[in-house]
Amino acid sequence: MEFDWNNAPVEWDSSLTPRDVEESFEDPFAVRLLPDSARFTVQARFFNLGKTASGLGIFSVYRTNGKQVRVIHARAFAPEEQFFYQRKLNQTLSP
């Protein structure tokens, strides 16, 4: 997956690095969602909830053309996102 870092995202948590965000996309258990909202019909935006190698949960909003990812917003998980991620992980790993 190739990232477009030419222009900084509109909203960026200063404690995160581009590598942190990239690692969250590489998470094999990352949850990717297409929001079901009229707001996003003109230009499709997606959500990614993933963790870095060090275990930091990152929520990202991004666009993609199928080849390149353009991150628009990135921040650490809110408690609800951590809960959602963990629930999806448990569903995936349970027999």
N, C-alpha and C. Protein backbone atom coordinates (compact mmCIF):
# COMPACT_ATOMS: atom_id res chain seq x y z
N MET A 1 0.84 -1.17 0.00
CA MET A 1 0.00 0.00 0.00
C MET A 1 0.90 1.24 0.00
N GLU A 2 0.61 2.16 -0.90
CA GLU A 2 1.41 3.38 -1.03
C GLU A 2 0.63 4.56 -0.44
N PHE A 3 1.32 5.39 0.31
CA PHE A 3 0.69 6.54 0.96
C PHE A 3 1.14 7.83 0.30
N ASP A 4 0.21 8.77 0.21
CA ASP A 4 0.50 10.10 -0.32
C ASP A 4 0.70 11.02 0.87
N TRP A 5 1.96 11.35 1.16
CA TRP A 5 2.30 12.25 2.27
C TRP A 5 2.75 13.61 1.77
N ASN A 6 2.47 13.95 0.51
CA ASN A 6 2.92 15.23 -0.05
C ASN A 6 2.36 16.43 0.69
N ASN A 7 1.11 16.36 1.08
CA ASN A 7 0.49 17.45 1.85
C ASN A 7 0.02 16.86 3.17
N ALA A 8 0.31 17.56 4.23
CA ALA A 8 -0.09 17.06 5.56
C ALA A 8 -1.61 16.95 5.63
N PRO A 9 -2.13 15.93 6.34
CA PRO A 9 -3.58 15.81 6.48
C PRO A 9 -4.17 17.06 7.14
N VAL A 10 -5.44 17.25 6.88
CA VAL A 10 -6.14 18.42 7.42
C VAL A 10 -6.11 18.40 8.94
N GLU A 11 -6.39 17.25 9.52
CA GLU A 11 -6.40 17.12 10.98
C GLU A 11 -5.45 15.98 11.35
N TRP A 12 -4.46 16.30 12.16
CA TRP A 12 -3.43 15.33 12.48
C TRP A 12 -3.07 15.44 13.95
N ASP A 13 -3.12 14.33 14.65
CA ASP A 13 -2.71 14.29 16.05
C ASP A 13 -1.19 14.39 16.07
N SER A 14 -0.66 15.43 16.67
CA SER A 14 0.78 15.70 16.62
C SER A 14 1.63 14.63 17.30
N SER A 15 1.01 13.77 18.10
CA SER A 15 1.77 12.70 18.75
C SER A 15 2.01 11.52 17.79
N LEU A 16 1.36 11.53 16.64
CA LEU A 16 1.49 10.43 15.67
C LEU A 16 2.51 10.78 14.60
N THR A 17 3.16 9.75 14.09
CA THR A 17 4.07 9.92 12.96
C THR A 17 3.44 9.25 11.74
N PRO A 18 3.88 9.61 10.54
CA PRO A 18 3.38 8.91 9.35
C PRO A 18 3.59 7.40 9.45
N ARG A 19 4.70 6.98 10.03
CA ARG A 19 4.97 5.54 10.18
C ARG A 19 3.92 4.88 11.08
N ASP A 20 3.52 5.56 12.16
CA ASP A 20 2.46 5.02 13.03
C ASP A 20 1.19 4.77 12.23
N VAL A 21 0.81 5.74 11.42
CA VAL A 21 -0.42 5.61 10.63
C VAL A 21 -0.27 4.47 9.63
N GLU A 22 0.86 4.39 8.97
CA GLU A 22 1.09 3.30 8.01
C GLU A 22 1.00 1.94 8.70
N GLU A 23 1.59 1.83 9.89
CA GLU A 23 1.52 0.56 10.63
C GLU A 23 0.08 0.19 10.98
N SER A 24 -0.75 1.18 11.28
CA SER A 24 -2.15 0.88 11.61
C SER A 24 -2.89 0.30 10.41
N PHE A 25 -2.48 0.68 9.20
CA PHE A 25 -3.09 0.11 7.99
C PHE A 25 -2.56 -1.30 7.73
N GLU A 26 -1.35 -1.60 8.19
CA GLU A 26 -0.74 -2.91 8.00
C GLU A 26 -1.24 -3.94 9.01
N ASP A 27 -1.95 -3.50 10.03
CA ASP A 27 -2.51 -4.38 11.05
C ASP A 27 -3.40 -5.43 10.37
N PRO A 28 -3.09 -6.73 10.53
CA PRO A 28 -3.91 -7.75 9.87
C PRO A 28 -5.33 -7.80 10.41
N PHE A 29 -5.59 -7.21 11.56
CA PHE A 29 -6.93 -7.19 12.14
C PHE A 29 -7.60 -5.82 12.02
N ALA A 30 -7.01 -4.92 11.23
CA ALA A 30 -7.58 -3.58 11.05
C ALA A 30 -9.01 -3.70 10.54
N VAL A 31 -9.84 -2.77 10.98
CA VAL A 31 -11.23 -2.72 10.55
C VAL A 31 -11.35 -1.54 9.60
N ARG A 32 -11.79 -1.82 8.37
CA ARG A 32 -11.98 -0.77 7.37
C ARG A 32 -13.46 -0.67 7.06
N LEU A 33 -13.96 0.56 7.09
CA LEU A 33 -15.38 0.79 6.90
C LEU A 33 -15.63 1.88 5.86
N LEU A 34 -16.71 1.73 5.11
CA LEU A 34 -17.20 2.79 4.23
C LEU A 34 -18.40 3.38 4.93
N PRO A 35 -18.31 4.64 5.36
CA PRO A 35 -19.43 5.25 6.09
C PRO A 35 -20.70 5.28 5.25
N ASP A 36 -21.82 5.02 5.88
CA ASP A 36 -23.11 5.06 5.22
C ASP A 36 -23.75 6.41 5.52
N SER A 37 -23.29 7.43 4.79
CA SER A 37 -23.77 8.78 5.03
C SER A 37 -23.77 9.56 3.72
N ALA A 38 -24.78 10.38 3.54
CA ALA A 38 -24.86 11.20 2.33
C ALA A 38 -23.69 12.17 2.22
N ARG A 39 -23.10 12.51 3.37
CA ARG A 39 -21.93 13.40 3.38
C ARG A 39 -20.78 12.88 2.54
N PHE A 40 -20.68 11.57 2.43
CA PHE A 40 -19.53 10.95 1.77
C PHE A 40 -19.83 10.45 0.36
N THR A 41 -21.00 10.79 -0.21
CA THR A 41 -21.34 10.27 -1.53
C THR A 41 -20.60 10.98 -2.66
N VAL A 42 -20.28 12.24 -2.51
CA VAL A 42 -19.58 12.98 -3.56
C VAL A 42 -18.16 12.45 -3.74
N GLN A 43 -17.45 12.30 -2.63
CA GLN A 43 -16.09 11.79 -2.68
C GLN A 43 -15.96 10.74 -1.58
N ALA A 44 -15.83 9.48 -1.98
CA ALA A 44 -15.82 8.38 -1.02
C ALA A 44 -14.67 8.52 -0.04
N ARG A 45 -15.01 8.41 1.21
CA ARG A 45 -14.02 8.40 2.29
C ARG A 45 -14.24 7.15 3.11
N PHE A 46 -13.15 6.63 3.63
CA PHE A 46 -13.19 5.39 4.38
C PHE A 46 -12.62 5.60 5.76
N PHE A 47 -12.98 4.71 6.68
CA PHE A 47 -12.44 4.72 8.04
C PHE A 47 -11.54 3.51 8.20
N ASN A 48 -10.46 3.69 8.92
CA ASN A 48 -9.57 2.58 9.27
C ASN A 48 -9.33 2.62 10.78
N LEU A 49 -9.55 1.49 11.43
CA LEU A 49 -9.22 1.34 12.84
C LEU A 49 -8.19 0.23 12.91
N GLY A 50 -6.96 0.58 13.27
CA GLY A 50 -5.89 -0.40 13.33
C GLY A 50 -4.89 -0.05 14.41
N LYS A 51 -4.04 -1.02 14.71
CA LYS A 51 -3.03 -0.81 15.74
C LYS A 51 -1.63 -0.86 15.14
N THR A 52 -0.74 -0.10 15.77
CA THR A 52 0.66 -0.10 15.38
C THR A 52 1.34 -1.34 15.96
N ALA A 53 2.58 -1.56 15.58
CA ALA A 53 3.34 -2.69 16.12
C ALA A 53 3.50 -2.58 17.63
N SER A 54 3.50 -1.35 18.16
CA SER A 54 3.64 -1.15 19.60
C SER A 54 2.29 -1.20 20.33
N GLY A 55 1.19 -1.39 19.59
CA GLY A 55 -0.12 -1.54 20.22
C GLY A 55 -0.94 -0.27 20.32
N LEU A 56 -0.49 0.82 19.72
CA LEU A 56 -1.24 2.07 19.73
C LEU A 56 -2.38 1.98 18.72
N GLY A 57 -3.61 2.20 19.17
CA GLY A 57 -4.76 2.18 18.28
C GLY A 57 -4.92 3.51 17.59
N ILE A 58 -5.11 3.48 16.27
CA ILE A 58 -5.24 4.71 15.49
C ILE A 58 -6.50 4.65 14.62
N PHE A 59 -7.29 5.72 14.70
CA PHE A 59 -8.46 5.91 13.86
C PHE A 59 -8.07 6.87 12.75
N SER A 60 -8.31 6.46 11.50
CA SER A 60 -7.96 7.30 10.35
C SER A 60 -9.15 7.42 9.41
N VAL A 61 -9.27 8.58 8.80
CA VAL A 61 -10.20 8.80 7.70
C VAL A 61 -9.33 8.99 6.48
N TYR A 62 -9.66 8.29 5.38
CA TYR A 62 -8.80 8.36 4.21
C TYR A 62 -9.59 8.23 2.91
N ARG A 63 -8.93 8.61 1.83
CA ARG A 63 -9.44 8.41 0.48
C ARG A 63 -8.42 7.53 -0.24
N THR A 64 -8.89 6.84 -1.26
CA THR A 64 -7.97 6.02 -2.04
C THR A 64 -8.45 5.96 -3.49
N ASN A 65 -7.49 5.84 -4.38
CA ASN A 65 -7.81 5.63 -5.79
C ASN A 65 -7.55 4.17 -6.18
N GLY A 66 -7.33 3.33 -5.20
CA GLY A 66 -7.04 1.93 -5.44
C GLY A 66 -5.55 1.62 -5.42
N LYS A 67 -4.73 2.63 -5.62
CA LYS A 67 -3.28 2.46 -5.62
C LYS A 67 -2.63 3.21 -4.47
N GLN A 68 -3.15 4.40 -4.21
CA GLN A 68 -2.53 5.28 -3.23
C GLN A 68 -3.55 5.69 -2.17
N VAL A 69 -3.10 5.77 -0.93
CA VAL A 69 -3.94 6.17 0.19
C VAL A 69 -3.61 7.59 0.58
N ARG A 70 -4.63 8.41 0.73
CA ARG A 70 -4.47 9.81 1.17
C ARG A 70 -5.18 9.95 2.51
N VAL A 71 -4.42 10.05 3.59
CA VAL A 71 -4.99 10.18 4.94
C VAL A 71 -5.45 11.62 5.13
N ILE A 72 -6.70 11.76 5.57
CA ILE A 72 -7.30 13.08 5.79
C ILE A 72 -7.28 13.45 7.26
N HIS A 73 -7.44 12.44 8.10
CA HIS A 73 -7.53 12.67 9.55
C HIS A 73 -6.96 11.43 10.25
N ALA A 74 -6.20 11.65 11.30
CA ALA A 74 -5.65 10.54 12.08
C ALA A 74 -5.51 10.96 13.53
N ARG A 75 -5.90 10.05 14.43
CA ARG A 75 -5.79 10.30 15.87
C ARG A 75 -5.81 8.96 16.59
N ALA A 76 -5.45 8.99 17.87
CA ALA A 76 -5.50 7.77 18.69
C ALA A 76 -6.96 7.37 18.90
N PHE A 77 -7.18 6.08 19.16
CA PHE A 77 -8.52 5.57 19.42
C PHE A 77 -9.20 6.32 20.56
N ALA A 78 -10.48 6.57 20.40
CA ALA A 78 -11.34 6.97 21.52
C ALA A 78 -11.74 5.67 22.23
N PRO A 79 -12.20 5.72 23.48
CA PRO A 79 -12.56 4.49 24.19
C PRO A 79 -13.59 3.63 23.43
N GLU A 80 -14.56 4.26 22.77
CA GLU A 80 -15.57 3.51 22.02
C GLU A 80 -14.95 2.78 20.83
N GLU A 81 -13.96 3.40 20.19
CA GLU A 81 -13.29 2.76 19.06
C GLU A 81 -12.43 1.59 19.52
N GLN A 82 -11.80 1.74 20.66
CA GLN A 82 -11.03 0.64 21.23
C GLN A 82 -11.94 -0.55 21.51
N PHE A 83 -13.12 -0.28 22.08
CA PHE A 83 -14.11 -1.32 22.37
C PHE A 83 -14.56 -2.00 21.08
N PHE A 84 -14.88 -1.21 20.04
CA PHE A 84 -15.33 -1.74 18.76
C PHE A 84 -14.24 -2.61 18.12
N TYR A 85 -13.02 -2.11 18.10
CA TYR A 85 -11.89 -2.86 17.54
C TYR A 85 -11.72 -4.19 18.26
N GLN A 86 -11.74 -4.14 19.59
CA GLN A 86 -11.54 -5.36 20.38
C GLN A 86 -12.67 -6.36 20.15
N ARG A 87 -13.90 -5.86 20.04
CA ARG A 87 -15.04 -6.75 19.80
C ARG A 87 -14.90 -7.44 18.44
N LYS A 88 -14.51 -6.67 17.40
CA LYS A 88 -14.30 -7.26 16.07
C LYS A 88 -13.15 -8.27 16.10
N LEU A 89 -12.09 -7.96 16.82
CA LEU A 89 -10.95 -8.87 16.95
C LEU A 89 -11.39 -10.17 17.61
N ASN A 90 -12.16 -10.06 18.69
CA ASN A 90 -12.64 -11.27 19.38
C ASN A 90 -13.55 -12.10 18.49
N GLN A 91 -14.39 -11.47 17.68
CA GLN A 91 -15.26 -12.19 16.76
C GLN A 91 -14.43 -12.93 15.70
N THR A 92 -13.39 -12.28 15.24
CA THR A 92 -12.52 -12.88 14.21
C THR A 92 -11.76 -14.08 14.75
N LEU A 93 -11.28 -13.97 15.99
CA LEU A 93 -10.43 -15.02 16.55
C LEU A 93 -11.19 -16.13 17.25
N SER A 94 -12.48 -15.95 17.50
CA SER A 94 -13.23 -16.99 18.22
C SER A 94 -13.59 -18.11 17.26
N PRO A 95 -13.55 -19.35 17.75
CA PRO A 95 -13.83 -20.51 16.87
C PRO A 95 -15.25 -20.62 16.45
